[in-house]
Amino acid sequence: MYWRSLTFLDPLAAMLLFVRPRVGVIATVLIISTDVGHNLGFFERFHLALNWRVGAQIAFRVFVVATLPMLWRALNSRPSK
């Protein structure tokens, strides 16, 4: 069910990044964080070895979290509409 919900949530977050950037950034952080957590829990529960796909998700989450302060400052310095 969670993975199916991403077919709606991922495009919604991408659209929000253009329409409502602050909301889109928050949605992106929440989605990738819950996705990584869900996948790690799944792999742990079924004693599966991590694969490159989960590694790529983790790397993307690290990128999102690492660039968040810079992005947030840039969004705050934009003139509001």
C-alpha atoms as a PDB file:
ATOM      1  CA  MET A   1       0.000   0.000   0.000  1.00  0.00           C
ATOM      2  CA  TYR A   2       2.788   2.437   0.898  1.00  0.00           C
ATOM      3  CA  TRP A   3       4.638   1.905  -2.370  1.00  0.00           C
ATOM      4  CA  ARG A   4       1.405   2.374  -4.340  1.00  0.00           C
ATOM      5  CA  SER A   5       0.779   5.666  -2.589  1.00  0.00           C
ATOM      6  CA  LEU A   6       4.099   6.908  -3.954  1.00  0.00           C
ATOM      7  CA  THR A   7       2.691   6.812  -7.492  1.00  0.00           C
ATOM      8  CA  PHE A   8       0.510   9.729  -6.379  1.00  0.00           C
ATOM      9  CA  LEU A   9       2.770  11.381  -3.778  1.00  0.00           C
ATOM     10  CA  ASP A  10       5.985  11.570  -5.833  1.00  0.00           C
ATOM     11  CA  PRO A  11       4.440  13.481  -8.768  1.00  0.00           C
ATOM     12  CA  LEU A  12       2.517  15.673  -6.303  1.00  0.00           C
ATOM     13  CA  ALA A  13       5.751  16.628  -4.520  1.00  0.00           C
ATOM     14  CA  ALA A  14       7.448  17.331  -7.872  1.00  0.00           C
ATOM     15  CA  MET A  15       4.567  19.600  -8.909  1.00  0.00           C
ATOM     16  CA  LEU A  16       4.630  21.374  -5.556  1.00  0.00           C
ATOM     17  CA  LEU A  17       8.339  22.137  -5.992  1.00  0.00           C
ATOM     18  CA  PHE A  18       7.322  24.392  -8.894  1.00  0.00           C
ATOM     19  CA  VAL A  19       3.978  25.718  -7.637  1.00  0.00           C
ATOM     20  CA  ARG A  20       4.603  25.985  -3.874  1.00  0.00           C
ATOM     21  CA  PRO A  21       8.363  25.443  -3.415  1.00  0.00           C
ATOM     22  CA  ARG A  22       8.422  25.487   0.396  1.00  0.00           C
ATOM     23  CA  VAL A  23       5.609  22.941   0.621  1.00  0.00           C
ATOM     24  CA  GLY A  24       7.288  20.881  -2.126  1.00  0.00           C
ATOM     25  CA  VAL A  25      10.593  20.822  -0.257  1.00  0.00           C
ATOM     26  CA  ILE A  26       8.913  19.681   2.952  1.00  0.00           C
ATOM     27  CA  ALA A  27       6.952  17.030   1.034  1.00  0.00           C
ATOM     28  CA  THR A  28      10.139  15.810  -0.651  1.00  0.00           C
ATOM     29  CA  VAL A  29      11.981  15.466   2.674  1.00  0.00           C
ATOM     30  CA  LEU A  30       9.042  13.634   4.239  1.00  0.00           C
ATOM     31  CA  ILE A  31       8.549  11.296   1.282  1.00  0.00           C
ATOM     32  CA  ILE A  32      12.190  10.287   0.871  1.00  0.00           C
ATOM     33  CA  SER A  33      12.623   9.900   4.642  1.00  0.00           C
ATOM     34  CA  THR A  34       9.582   7.669   5.031  1.00  0.00           C
ATOM     35  CA  ASP A  35      10.512   5.762   1.882  1.00  0.00           C
ATOM     36  CA  VAL A  36      14.013   4.985   3.127  1.00  0.00           C
ATOM     37  CA  GLY A  37      12.697   4.092   6.575  1.00  0.00           C
ATOM     38  CA  HIS A  38       9.998   1.856   5.133  1.00  0.00           C
ATOM     39  CA  ASN A  39      12.434   0.079   2.818  1.00  0.00           C
ATOM     40  CA  LEU A  40      15.046  -0.425   5.541  1.00  0.00           C
ATOM     41  CA  GLY A  41      12.352  -1.845   7.812  1.00  0.00           C
ATOM     42  CA  PHE A  42      11.185  -4.172   5.033  1.00  0.00           C
ATOM     43  CA  PHE A  43      14.698  -5.418   4.337  1.00  0.00           C
ATOM     44  CA  GLU A  44      15.339  -5.876   8.072  1.00  0.00           C
ATOM     45  CA  ARG A  45      12.072  -7.714   8.682  1.00  0.00           C
ATOM     46  CA  PHE A  46      12.660 -10.213   5.892  1.00  0.00           C
ATOM     47  CA  HIS A  47      16.430 -10.473   6.482  1.00  0.00           C
ATOM     48  CA  LEU A  48      17.270  -9.293   2.961  1.00  0.00           C
ATOM     49  CA  ALA A  49      20.622  -7.922   1.895  1.00  0.00           C
ATOM     50  CA  LEU A  50      20.554  -4.271   0.920  1.00  0.00           C
ATOM     51  CA  ASN A  51      20.881  -3.678  -2.798  1.00  0.00           C
ATOM     52  CA  TRP A  52      22.004  -0.766  -4.957  1.00  0.00           C
ATOM     53  CA  ARG A  53      18.444   0.599  -5.224  1.00  0.00           C
ATOM     54  CA  VAL A  54      18.151   1.102  -1.480  1.00  0.00           C
ATOM     55  CA  GLY A  55      21.682   2.494  -1.458  1.00  0.00           C
ATOM     56  CA  ALA A  56      20.675   5.006  -4.134  1.00  0.00           C
ATOM     57  CA  GLN A  57      17.630   6.022  -2.073  1.00  0.00           C
ATOM     58  CA  ILE A  58      19.810   6.509   0.987  1.00  0.00           C
ATOM     59  CA  ALA A  59      22.285   8.578  -1.044  1.00  0.00           C
ATOM     60  CA  PHE A  60      19.432  10.713  -2.408  1.00  0.00           C
ATOM     61  CA  ARG A  61      18.074  11.253   1.106  1.00  0.00           C
ATOM     62  CA  VAL A  62      21.543  12.326   2.287  1.00  0.00           C
ATOM     63  CA  PHE A  63      21.688  14.759  -0.654  1.00  0.00           C
ATOM     64  CA  VAL A  64      18.213  16.154   0.105  1.00  0.00           C
ATOM     65  CA  VAL A  65      18.961  16.643   3.808  1.00  0.00           C
ATOM     66  CA  ALA A  66      22.459  18.059   3.144  1.00  0.00           C
ATOM     67  CA  THR A  67      21.182  20.654   0.664  1.00  0.00           C
ATOM     68  CA  LEU A  68      18.054  21.536   2.654  1.00  0.00           C
ATOM     69  CA  PRO A  69      19.536  24.479   4.618  1.00  0.00           C
ATOM     70  CA  MET A  70      20.951  26.092   1.476  1.00  0.00           C
ATOM     71  CA  LEU A  71      17.699  25.599  -0.410  1.00  0.00           C
ATOM     72  CA  TRP A  72      15.597  26.912   2.460  1.00  0.00           C
ATOM     73  CA  ARG A  73      17.745  30.077   2.689  1.00  0.00           C
ATOM     74  CA  ALA A  74      17.383  30.604  -1.056  1.00  0.00           C
ATOM     75  CA  LEU A  75      13.614  30.219  -0.830  1.00  0.00           C
ATOM     76  CA  ASN A  76      13.425  32.668   2.071  1.00  0.00           C
ATOM     77  CA  SER A  77      15.418  35.286   0.172  1.00  0.00           C
ATOM     78  CA  ARG A  78      13.024  35.190  -2.808  1.00  0.00           C
ATOM     79  CA  PRO A  79      10.480  37.972  -3.003  1.00  0.00           C
ATOM     80  CA  SER A  80       7.038  36.616  -2.177  1.00  0.00           C
ATOM     81  CA  LYS A  81       4.314  36.750  -4.779  1.00  0.00           C
END
